Amino acid sequence: MTQKRKITIARGDGIGPEIMDATLKILEHAGATIEPEFIDIGEKVFLAGNSSGIPDEAWESLRRTKVFFKGPITTPQGGGYKSLNVTIRKTLGLYANVRPNVSYAPFVETKHPNMDLVIIRENEEDLYAGIEHQQTPEVVQCLKLITRPGSEKIVRYAFEYARKNNRKKVTCFTKDNIMKLTDGLFHKVFREVAEEYPEIETEHWIIDIGMAKIADTPQDFDVIVMPNLYGDIASDVAAQITGSVGLAGSANIGDQVAMFEAIHGSAPDIAGKGIANPSGLINGAIMMLVHIGQPEVATKIHNAWLKTLEDGVHTGDITKGGKSVGTVEFADAVIDRLGQKPSTYTPVEYKQVEPSEETNFTLNPAVKDRPKADVVRELDGVDVFLFNNELTPDEIGHKLEELSGPDFKLAVITNRGVKVYPNGFPETFTTDHWRCRFEFSETQDGNSNKGIVELLNRINQANLDFIKIENLYKFNGERGYSLGQGQ
């Protein structure tokens, strides 16, 4: 008898328990050899006083089984609750979010019947690092963090995914025409990694026109890789234009642990009504079965699900007011068709994937073990951010020029990224948050943090309220910071 694979299961919130029970029923009838460990996470745990939404015993199960099958979760509004999905992904190192987006025409209505693309989204960094600060009464900031190792892992995963799944093209989306350092790094790493896969076609699109092309001509794409926030938005858009967000499953892959789920939310407005579509979670389960080495069961369920769609058995989100079935009835229809294949859709067939192949999409040994290049980091100045709601830009500028001392010169003052000194325009709208850029003077002998500390002391003694600083560096002689407007 085949040993059962232990997996951790959370039924979830809202419609989660309904669609999870329906999906598990399908897995049982299809012959999946799994041993569930059920955990409680989400809304009830949050409201019971656990600010993370996940108790210690749940973490223990996840780290033991290393496979997580999860229903949708509700994060309570307000009260400082963090997204549980983000917490799980980052804590367990689930760096790759994989979302296939396939149209199921003619049985599911869509304007794009030939759509078959996969969005691979970086899952741990970017703006989703969640590092935010209120700095003045009028201004808050969110830090966008893009790292070279994080970018290389997700880009390499995308190319390896394409290679292993016979995909022909990998496309990168960024906004590096504006965010030249952060998105610029992601794009640069994409170009570097692409050179190792000459058999795969590559291209790059700026995110805005790229999103427009997904909405207009999704059939032009194959695999798309992008940073976290763009990928979150793009994958939902892509899923919706296939016909319904309710059809799409999602995998979150790390070096040690993997999580599988539907991409939609907990839909509390329809919870308990028995009308939710379990298809997204079914497709998440299919991805999980392939991951844990049960491709035959995944094939059986996927083909039965396609046959169910072909036979006109649909939930209300697909029929949009027409004749529909409920959650349980849909699951029973899939079970009735286990062992059958679709006739209009192309039948699927999953093959055995070696465990090492599933987790070897990160840095390959040749890259992982290569010596790191020596990087010369040189301090080149400092941005000092002030809180001020009394002085004019010219008044601030004149004061700071007097305070610069022999080591610095004031280069520019900006407000919301727009130059306001010197030679600013009175028409420019300003808030109470001012970035003041100081460059080292040509006569200064040796750049150091000591000079910055002395500058800050002078600013403080002049009763100007500095709220943060950012040191400016060159790396191997290249500027590692954006120029201020007017520089």
Protein backbone atom coordinates (compact mmCIF):
# COMPACT_ATOMS: atom_id res chain seq x y z
CA MET A 1 0.00 0.00 0.00
CA THR A 2 1.32 3.41 -0.99
CA GLN A 3 2.30 5.51 2.02
CA LYS A 4 0.08 8.54 2.41
CA ARG A 5 1.66 11.98 2.01
CA LYS A 6 1.05 14.25 4.97
CA ILE A 7 -0.19 17.71 4.05
CA THR A 8 -1.34 20.62 6.17
CA ILE A 9 -4.84 21.88 5.40
CA ALA A 10 -6.63 25.05 6.48
CA ARG A 11 -10.30 25.19 5.52
CA GLY A 12 -10.22 28.98 5.63
CA ASP A 13 -12.86 31.65 6.17
CA GLY A 14 -16.03 32.68 4.35
CA ILE A 15 -16.64 30.22 1.54
CA GLY A 16 -13.40 28.42 2.39
CA PRO A 17 -14.86 25.49 4.36
CA GLU A 18 -17.47 24.80 1.65
CA ILE A 19 -15.08 24.71 -1.28
CA MET A 20 -12.39 22.90 0.71
CA ASP A 21 -14.76 20.11 1.73
CA ALA A 22 -15.95 19.78 -1.87
CA THR A 23 -12.37 19.62 -3.16
CA LEU A 24 -11.24 17.10 -0.56
CA LYS A 25 -14.19 14.90 -1.53
CA ILE A 26 -12.95 14.92 -5.13
CA LEU A 27 -9.40 14.09 -4.01
CA GLU A 28 -10.65 11.15 -1.98
CA HIS A 29 -12.70 9.67 -4.83
CA ALA A 30 -9.83 10.21 -7.28
CA GLY A 31 -7.50 8.13 -5.12
CA ALA A 32 -5.16 10.83 -3.79
CA THR A 33 -2.93 9.28 -1.13
CA ILE A 34 -2.80 12.14 1.34
CA GLU A 35 -3.02 12.36 5.12
CA PRO A 36 -4.43 15.75 6.13
CA GLU A 37 -3.36 17.67 9.21
CA PHE A 38 -6.00 20.34 9.79
CA ILE A 39 -5.03 23.66 11.32
CA ASP A 40 -7.00 26.74 12.35
CA ILE A 41 -5.77 30.04 10.96
CA GLY A 42 -7.34 33.28 9.84
CA GLU A 43 -10.19 35.41 11.06
CA LYS A 44 -11.10 33.49 14.22
CA VAL A 45 -7.45 33.35 15.28
CA PHE A 46 -7.02 37.07 14.61
CA LEU A 47 -10.13 37.96 16.60
CA ALA A 48 -9.06 35.68 19.46
CA GLY A 49 -6.10 38.00 20.03
CA ASN A 50 -3.37 36.48 17.86
CA SER A 51 -2.18 39.41 15.75
CA SER A 52 -0.46 37.11 13.23
CA GLY A 53 -3.58 35.03 12.57
CA ILE A 54 -1.66 31.77 12.87
CA PRO A 55 -0.84 29.91 16.13
CA ASP A 56 2.42 28.16 16.96
CA GLU A 57 1.00 24.67 16.43
CA ALA A 58 0.03 25.62 12.87
CA TRP A 59 3.60 26.72 12.14
CA GLU A 60 4.83 23.40 13.52
CA SER A 61 2.57 21.48 11.16
CA LEU A 62 3.64 23.52 8.14
CA ARG A 63 7.32 23.04 8.88
CA ARG A 64 6.77 19.31 9.39
CA THR A 65 4.68 18.48 6.31
CA LYS A 66 6.18 21.16 4.03
CA VAL A 67 3.01 21.19 1.92
CA PHE A 68 0.14 23.57 2.66
CA PHE A 69 -3.30 23.37 1.03
CA LYS A 70 -5.21 26.48 2.04
CA GLY A 71 -8.71 27.85 1.69
CA PRO A 72 -9.20 31.61 1.33
CA ILE A 73 -8.57 33.67 4.47
CA THR A 74 -10.24 36.81 5.81
CA THR A 75 -7.97 39.41 7.38
CA PRO A 76 -10.07 41.68 9.66
CA GLN A 77 -10.15 45.31 8.60
CA GLY A 78 -8.31 47.85 10.75
CA GLY A 79 -6.67 47.11 14.07
CA GLY A 80 -3.20 46.67 12.59
CA TYR A 81 -3.82 43.15 11.27
CA LYS A 82 -1.23 42.03 8.73
CA SER A 83 -2.09 39.97 5.69
CA LEU A 84 -1.76 36.33 6.72
CA ASN A 85 -0.96 35.30 3.16
CA VAL A 86 1.99 37.70 3.04
CA THR A 87 3.17 36.53 6.47
CA ILE A 88 3.12 32.85 5.44
CA ARG A 89 4.82 33.47 2.11
CA LYS A 90 7.64 35.53 3.59
CA THR A 91 8.17 33.46 6.76
CA LEU A 92 8.45 30.19 4.83
CA GLY A 93 10.41 31.64 1.93
CA LEU A 94 7.71 31.01 -0.70
CA TYR A 95 9.38 33.29 -3.19
CA ALA A 96 7.61 32.16 -6.39
CA ASN A 97 3.89 32.67 -6.99
CA VAL A 98 2.76 30.67 -10.02
CA ARG A 99 -0.63 31.39 -11.61
CA PRO A 100 -1.71 29.67 -14.83
CA ASN A 101 -4.39 31.60 -16.71
CA VAL A 102 -6.25 29.54 -19.31
CA SER A 103 -9.41 30.32 -21.27
CA TYR A 104 -12.05 27.58 -21.42
CA ALA A 105 -14.00 28.69 -24.47
CA PRO A 106 -16.51 27.93 -25.79
CA PHE A 107 -18.00 26.58 -22.55
CA VAL A 108 -16.89 29.52 -20.39
CA GLU A 109 -17.59 32.89 -21.95
CA THR A 110 -14.50 34.95 -22.70
CA LYS A 111 -13.36 37.48 -25.27
CA HIS A 112 -9.98 35.73 -25.45
CA PRO A 113 -10.54 32.06 -26.36
CA ASN A 114 -6.86 31.33 -27.14
CA MET A 115 -5.41 32.56 -23.86
CA ASP A 116 -2.89 30.29 -22.11
CA LEU A 117 -0.32 32.22 -20.11
CA VAL A 118 1.44 31.75 -16.78
CA ILE A 119 2.26 34.66 -14.51
CA ILE A 120 5.21 34.10 -12.19
CA ARG A 121 5.35 36.74 -9.50
CA GLU A 122 8.11 37.50 -7.01
CA ASN A 123 6.49 36.89 -3.66
CA GLU A 124 8.64 38.31 -0.85
CA GLU A 125 9.91 41.82 -1.51
CA ASP A 126 9.04 44.97 -3.49
CA LEU A 127 6.45 47.21 -1.79
CA TYR A 128 5.04 44.10 -0.11
CA ALA A 129 7.93 44.21 2.32
CA GLY A 130 5.37 46.34 4.18
CA ILE A 131 7.87 48.89 5.49
CA GLU A 132 5.84 52.06 5.90
CA HIS A 133 6.25 55.20 7.99
CA GLN A 134 4.29 58.35 8.63
CA GLN A 135 6.98 61.01 8.63
CA THR A 136 4.99 64.22 8.93
CA PRO A 137 1.32 65.07 9.52
CA GLU A 138 0.88 65.16 5.73
CA VAL A 139 3.27 62.55 4.33
CA VAL A 140 3.65 58.78 4.60
CA GLN A 141 6.16 56.60 2.78
CA CYS A 142 6.41 52.98 1.70
CA LEU A 143 9.81 51.51 0.90
CA LYS A 144 10.18 49.53 -2.34
CA LEU A 145 12.86 46.91 -1.83
CA ILE A 146 14.25 45.01 -4.81
CA THR A 147 17.28 42.77 -4.24
CA ARG A 148 19.62 41.13 -6.69
CA PRO A 149 19.35 37.66 -5.06
CA GLY A 150 15.54 37.89 -4.89
CA SER A 151 15.32 39.00 -8.50
CA GLU A 152 17.69 36.29 -9.69
CA LYS A 153 15.76 33.54 -7.89
CA ILE A 154 12.39 34.48 -9.39
CA VAL A 155 13.73 35.15 -12.89
CA ARG A 156 15.59 31.85 -12.94
CA TYR A 157 12.46 30.09 -11.69
CA ALA A 158 10.51 31.59 -14.62
CA PHE A 159 13.03 30.34 -17.18
CA GLU A 160 13.27 26.90 -15.59
CA TYR A 161 9.47 26.70 -15.49
CA ALA A 162 9.36 27.57 -19.19
CA ARG A 163 12.00 24.97 -20.02
CA LYS A 164 10.35 22.17 -18.04
CA ASN A 165 6.86 22.93 -19.35
CA ASN A 166 7.80 23.36 -23.03
CA ARG A 167 7.03 27.08 -23.00
CA LYS A 168 8.67 29.12 -25.73
CA LYS A 169 8.85 32.68 -24.41
CA VAL A 170 9.45 34.52 -21.13
CA THR A 171 8.39 38.17 -20.83
CA CYS A 172 9.47 40.61 -18.13
CA PHE A 173 7.26 43.49 -16.92
CA THR A 174 8.74 46.45 -15.01
CA LYS A 175 8.46 50.22 -14.77
CA ASP A 176 12.17 50.91 -15.12
CA ASN A 177 11.63 53.99 -17.25
CA ILE A 178 10.62 55.70 -13.99
CA MET A 179 12.07 53.55 -11.18
CA LYS A 180 15.46 53.18 -12.79
CA LEU A 181 17.24 51.67 -9.78
CA THR A 182 14.66 49.26 -8.30
CA ASP A 183 12.81 48.09 -11.38
CA GLY A 184 15.99 48.73 -13.32
CA LEU A 185 17.77 46.08 -11.24
CA PHE A 186 14.99 43.54 -11.84
CA HIS A 187 15.16 44.16 -15.61
CA LYS A 188 18.96 43.99 -15.60
CA VAL A 189 18.92 40.63 -13.82
CA PHE A 190 16.31 39.38 -16.30
CA ARG A 191 18.63 40.22 -19.20
CA GLU A 192 21.57 38.51 -17.48
CA VAL A 193 19.73 35.29 -16.70
CA ALA A 194 18.12 35.19 -20.15
CA GLU A 195 21.57 34.74 -21.70
CA GLU A 196 21.74 31.28 -20.06
CA TYR A 197 18.57 30.17 -21.90
CA PRO A 198 19.25 30.94 -25.58
CA GLU A 199 16.53 28.55 -26.76
CA ILE A 200 13.82 30.62 -25.05
CA GLU A 201 12.55 33.83 -26.62
CA THR A 202 12.58 36.87 -24.33
CA GLU A 203 11.01 40.31 -24.30
CA HIS A 204 10.37 43.19 -21.91
CA TRP A 205 7.38 45.49 -21.55
CA ILE A 206 6.78 48.55 -19.40
CA ILE A 207 4.07 47.45 -16.97
CA ASP A 208 1.35 49.86 -18.10
CA ILE A 209 1.40 48.91 -21.77
CA GLY A 210 2.12 45.31 -20.78
CA MET A 211 -1.05 45.20 -18.69
CA ALA A 212 -2.97 46.73 -21.58
CA LYS A 213 -1.66 43.97 -23.85
CA ILE A 214 -2.73 41.28 -21.36
CA ALA A 215 -6.23 42.75 -21.43
CA ASP A 216 -6.25 43.08 -25.23
CA THR A 217 -4.07 40.30 -26.69
CA PRO A 218 -3.22 37.80 -23.92
CA GLN A 219 -2.57 35.11 -26.51
CA ASP A 220 0.69 36.91 -27.35
CA PHE A 221 2.17 35.91 -23.98
CA ASP A 222 3.46 32.61 -22.67
CA VAL A 223 5.29 33.03 -19.33
CA ILE A 224 5.45 36.45 -17.68
CA VAL A 225 7.72 37.27 -14.73
CA MET A 226 7.46 40.45 -12.69
CA PRO A 227 7.96 42.02 -9.26
CA ASN A 228 5.47 41.48 -6.47
CA LEU A 229 2.91 44.30 -6.73
CA TYR A 230 2.63 44.23 -10.52
CA GLY A 231 2.28 40.45 -10.44
CA ASP A 232 -0.49 40.60 -7.85
CA ILE A 233 -2.54 42.95 -10.02
CA ALA A 234 -1.70 41.34 -13.37
CA SER A 235 -2.54 37.82 -12.27
CA ASP A 236 -6.03 38.81 -11.11
CA VAL A 237 -6.66 40.74 -14.32
CA ALA A 238 -5.47 37.78 -16.38
CA ALA A 239 -7.61 35.34 -14.40
CA GLN A 240 -10.71 37.47 -14.80
CA ILE A 241 -10.42 37.81 -18.56
CA THR A 242 -10.21 34.02 -18.92
CA GLY A 243 -13.86 34.06 -17.84
CA SER A 244 -13.78 34.05 -14.05
CA VAL A 245 -11.35 34.58 -11.16
CA GLY A 246 -13.13 31.61 -9.61
CA LEU A 247 -11.43 29.17 -12.00
CA ALA A 248 -7.78 29.86 -11.22
CA GLY A 249 -5.49 28.04 -8.81
CA SER A 250 -2.18 29.21 -7.46
CA ALA A 251 1.09 27.70 -6.26
CA ASN A 252 3.55 29.41 -3.91
CA ILE A 253 6.90 27.67 -4.14
CA GLY A 254 9.91 27.88 -1.84
CA ASP A 255 13.09 25.89 -1.39
CA GLN A 256 11.57 23.92 1.50
CA VAL A 257 7.81 24.47 1.62
CA ALA A 258 5.04 24.95 -0.96
CA MET A 259 1.52 26.34 -0.58
CA PHE A 260 -1.45 25.79 -2.91
CA GLU A 261 -4.69 27.73 -3.00
CA ALA A 262 -7.35 29.41 -5.13
CA ILE A 263 -6.53 32.97 -6.13
CA HIS A 264 -9.88 34.43 -5.09
CA GLY A 265 -10.81 35.72 -1.66
CA SER A 266 -13.12 34.41 1.07
CA ALA A 267 -16.30 36.04 -0.38
CA PRO A 268 -18.14 36.37 2.96
CA ASP A 269 -21.21 37.77 1.17
CA ILE A 270 -22.02 34.33 -0.27
CA ALA A 271 -20.62 32.17 2.53
CA GLY A 272 -22.98 29.44 3.70
CA LYS A 273 -25.21 29.65 0.63
CA GLY A 274 -23.70 26.62 -1.10
CA ILE A 275 -23.19 28.45 -4.39
CA ALA A 276 -19.44 29.09 -4.43
CA ASN A 277 -17.35 27.74 -7.29
CA PRO A 278 -14.73 25.27 -6.01
CA SER A 279 -12.83 25.28 -9.33
CA GLY A 280 -10.02 27.57 -8.21
CA LEU A 281 -9.27 25.36 -5.22
CA ILE A 282 -9.60 22.23 -7.40
CA ASN A 283 -6.97 23.64 -9.75
CA GLY A 284 -4.78 24.50 -6.77
CA ALA A 285 -5.15 20.89 -5.63
CA ILE A 286 -4.11 19.65 -9.08
CA MET A 287 -0.90 21.71 -8.85
CA MET A 288 -0.30 20.30 -5.35
CA LEU A 289 -0.74 16.71 -6.54
CA VAL A 290 1.88 17.21 -9.25
CA HIS A 291 4.22 18.76 -6.67
CA ILE A 292 3.93 15.83 -4.24
CA GLY A 293 4.48 13.21 -6.92
CA GLN A 294 0.94 12.07 -7.71
CA PRO A 295 0.62 13.15 -11.36
CA GLU A 296 -1.77 10.32 -12.29
CA VAL A 297 -4.35 11.57 -9.78
CA ALA A 298 -3.82 15.16 -10.93
CA THR A 299 -4.42 14.06 -14.53
CA LYS A 300 -7.60 12.18 -13.61
CA ILE A 301 -9.07 15.16 -11.70
CA HIS A 302 -8.09 17.75 -14.30
CA ASN A 303 -9.62 15.82 -17.18
CA ALA A 304 -12.79 15.15 -15.17
CA TRP A 305 -13.04 18.86 -14.36
CA LEU A 306 -12.65 19.79 -18.04
CA LYS A 307 -15.31 17.22 -18.98
CA THR A 308 -17.63 18.75 -16.38
CA LEU A 309 -17.23 22.19 -17.98
CA GLU A 310 -17.81 20.68 -21.44
CA ASP A 311 -21.01 19.06 -20.25
CA GLY A 312 -22.41 22.43 -19.24
CA VAL A 313 -22.25 21.92 -15.49
CA HIS A 314 -21.45 25.35 -14.06
CA THR A 315 -21.83 27.38 -10.90
CA GLY A 316 -23.55 30.75 -10.89
CA ASP A 317 -20.42 32.86 -11.38
CA ILE A 318 -20.03 31.24 -14.82
CA THR A 319 -23.69 31.13 -15.91
CA LYS A 320 -24.22 34.69 -14.64
CA GLY A 321 -27.88 34.23 -13.87
CA GLY A 322 -28.56 31.18 -16.03
CA LYS A 323 -29.13 27.61 -14.92
CA SER A 324 -26.45 26.67 -12.43
CA VAL A 325 -25.51 24.13 -9.77
CA GLY A 326 -24.23 24.59 -6.24
CA THR A 327 -20.85 23.81 -4.73
CA VAL A 328 -21.64 20.24 -3.72
CA GLU A 329 -23.43 19.43 -6.98
CA PHE A 330 -20.46 20.66 -8.99
CA ALA A 331 -18.05 18.54 -6.97
CA ASP A 332 -20.29 15.49 -7.42
CA ALA A 333 -20.36 16.13 -11.18
CA VAL A 334 -16.55 16.09 -11.27
CA ILE A 335 -16.52 12.86 -9.25
CA ASP A 336 -18.99 11.26 -11.66
CA ARG A 337 -16.60 12.00 -14.55
CA LEU A 338 -13.40 10.69 -12.97
CA GLY A 339 -11.74 8.46 -15.54
CA GLN A 340 -13.32 10.33 -18.47
CA LYS A 341 -11.58 12.73 -20.82
CA PRO A 342 -12.82 15.89 -22.50
CA SER A 343 -13.56 15.80 -26.22
CA THR A 344 -13.45 19.49 -27.14
CA TYR A 345 -10.69 20.53 -24.76
CA THR A 346 -7.33 18.86 -25.17
CA PRO A 347 -6.91 16.20 -22.48
CA VAL A 348 -4.07 16.85 -20.06
CA GLU A 349 -1.39 14.47 -18.89
CA TYR A 350 0.95 15.22 -16.03
CA LYS A 351 4.25 13.40 -15.71
CA GLN A 352 6.28 12.51 -12.67
CA VAL A 353 8.49 15.36 -11.50
CA GLU A 354 11.51 14.51 -9.42
CA PRO A 355 11.50 16.36 -6.10
CA SER A 356 14.90 17.82 -6.89
CA GLU A 357 13.50 19.35 -10.08
CA GLU A 358 10.69 21.02 -8.19
CA THR A 359 13.01 22.83 -5.79
CA ASN A 360 15.95 23.46 -8.10
CA PHE A 361 14.50 26.58 -9.69
CA THR A 362 16.53 28.91 -7.48
CA LEU A 363 20.17 29.75 -7.92
CA ASN A 364 21.84 26.91 -9.72
CA PRO A 365 25.12 25.69 -8.20
CA ALA A 366 27.24 27.44 -10.79
CA VAL A 367 25.66 30.75 -9.84
CA LYS A 368 25.24 30.04 -6.14
CA ASP A 369 28.87 29.18 -5.54
CA ARG A 370 30.52 31.72 -7.77
CA PRO A 371 32.78 34.22 -5.99
CA LYS A 372 31.19 37.57 -5.35
CA ALA A 373 32.73 40.47 -7.21
CA ASP A 374 34.52 43.05 -5.11
CA VAL A 375 32.31 46.11 -4.81
CA VAL A 376 33.82 49.45 -3.86
CA ARG A 377 31.26 51.56 -1.99
CA GLU A 378 31.98 55.27 -1.75
CA LEU A 379 29.97 57.78 0.28
CA ASP A 380 28.93 60.58 -2.05
CA GLY A 381 26.60 62.84 -0.07
CA VAL A 382 23.39 62.75 1.93
CA ASP A 383 19.68 63.49 1.55
CA VAL A 384 18.27 65.13 4.66
CA PHE A 385 14.49 65.11 5.00
CA LEU A 386 12.92 67.96 6.96
CA PHE A 387 9.51 68.56 8.49
CA ASN A 388 8.48 72.15 7.88
CA ASN A 389 5.14 73.89 7.53
CA GLU A 390 6.25 77.46 8.21
CA LEU A 391 9.22 78.46 6.05
CA THR A 392 9.14 79.03 2.29
CA PRO A 393 11.42 76.98 0.04
CA ASP A 394 13.74 79.94 -0.39
CA GLU A 395 13.91 80.50 3.36
CA ILE A 396 14.79 76.83 3.93
CA GLY A 397 17.37 76.95 1.16
CA HIS A 398 19.12 80.05 2.44
CA LYS A 399 19.28 78.63 5.97
CA LEU A 400 20.71 75.32 4.78
CA GLU A 401 23.31 76.98 2.60
CA GLU A 402 24.56 78.80 5.69
CA LEU A 403 24.62 75.51 7.61
CA SER A 404 26.38 73.48 4.92
CA GLY A 405 29.83 74.29 6.27
CA PRO A 406 33.06 73.60 4.41
CA ASP A 407 32.31 69.91 3.78
CA PHE A 408 29.03 70.23 1.87
CA LYS A 409 27.12 72.24 -0.66
CA LEU A 410 23.33 72.25 -0.91
CA ALA A 411 22.49 70.91 -4.38
CA VAL A 412 18.69 70.93 -4.48
CA ILE A 413 15.53 70.86 -2.36
CA THR A 414 12.55 68.87 -3.60
CA ASN A 415 9.00 68.45 -2.34
CA ARG A 416 7.17 65.27 -3.44
CA GLY A 417 10.02 64.79 -5.91
CA VAL A 418 9.65 68.23 -7.55
CA LYS A 419 12.44 70.81 -7.36
CA VAL A 420 11.47 73.84 -5.28
CA TYR A 421 14.95 75.32 -4.62
CA PRO A 422 16.92 76.87 -6.17
CA ASN A 423 14.80 78.56 -8.82
CA GLY A 424 11.57 76.85 -7.89
CA PHE A 425 8.17 77.92 -9.22
CA PRO A 426 5.58 79.51 -6.91
CA GLU A 427 2.88 77.47 -8.67
CA THR A 428 4.32 74.16 -7.37
CA PHE A 429 2.12 72.56 -4.71
CA THR A 430 4.05 71.60 -1.59
CA THR A 431 3.47 69.62 1.60
CA ASP A 432 5.35 69.64 4.92
CA HIS A 433 7.99 67.12 3.78
CA TRP A 434 11.22 68.39 2.19
CA ARG A 435 14.16 66.48 0.73
CA CYS A 436 17.38 68.45 0.94
CA ARG A 437 20.32 67.04 -1.01
CA PHE A 438 23.84 67.79 0.18
CA GLU A 439 26.85 66.93 -1.95
CA PHE A 440 30.39 66.82 -0.64
CA SER A 441 32.32 69.93 -1.53
CA GLU A 442 35.36 69.66 -3.77
CA THR A 443 37.60 70.93 -0.96
CA GLN A 444 36.46 68.27 1.50
CA ASP A 445 39.25 65.84 2.35
CA GLY A 446 37.82 62.36 2.70
CA ASN A 447 34.08 61.64 2.73
CA SER A 448 32.82 60.20 6.00
CA ASN A 449 29.79 59.76 8.22
CA LYS A 450 31.48 62.08 10.71
CA GLY A 451 30.84 65.03 8.43
CA ILE A 452 27.18 64.02 8.05
CA VAL A 453 26.76 63.83 11.83
CA GLU A 454 28.26 67.31 12.20
CA LEU A 455 25.93 68.63 9.48
CA LEU A 456 22.92 67.17 11.28
CA ASN A 457 24.05 68.78 14.53
CA ARG A 458 24.16 72.17 12.83
CA ILE A 459 20.70 71.63 11.34
CA ASN A 460 19.33 70.59 14.73
CA GLN A 461 20.87 73.59 16.51
CA ALA A 462 19.20 75.86 13.94
CA ASN A 463 15.80 74.43 15.06
CA LEU A 464 15.16 72.73 11.74
CA ASP A 465 13.38 69.41 12.28
CA PHE A 466 15.09 66.59 10.34
CA ILE A 467 13.08 63.36 10.27
CA LYS A 468 15.33 60.96 8.34
CA ILE A 469 18.42 60.80 6.18
CA GLU A 470 19.52 58.67 3.25
CA ASN A 471 23.23 58.35 2.61
CA LEU A 472 24.18 58.58 -1.07
CA TYR A 473 26.70 56.08 -2.39
CA LYS A 474 28.60 55.21 -5.52
CA PHE A 475 29.27 51.54 -6.23
CA ASN A 476 32.36 50.87 -8.32
CA GLY A 477 32.19 54.48 -9.41
CA GLU A 478 28.54 54.34 -10.52
CA ARG A 479 25.91 56.46 -8.81
CA GLY A 480 23.63 54.36 -6.62
CA TYR A 481 20.91 56.95 -6.19
CA SER A 482 18.52 58.88 -8.39
CA LEU A 483 19.32 62.43 -9.36
CA GLY A 484 17.15 65.15 -7.90
CA GLN A 485 15.10 67.14 -10.40
CA GLY A 486 17.19 69.98 -11.76
CA GLN A 487 20.54 68.29 -11.08
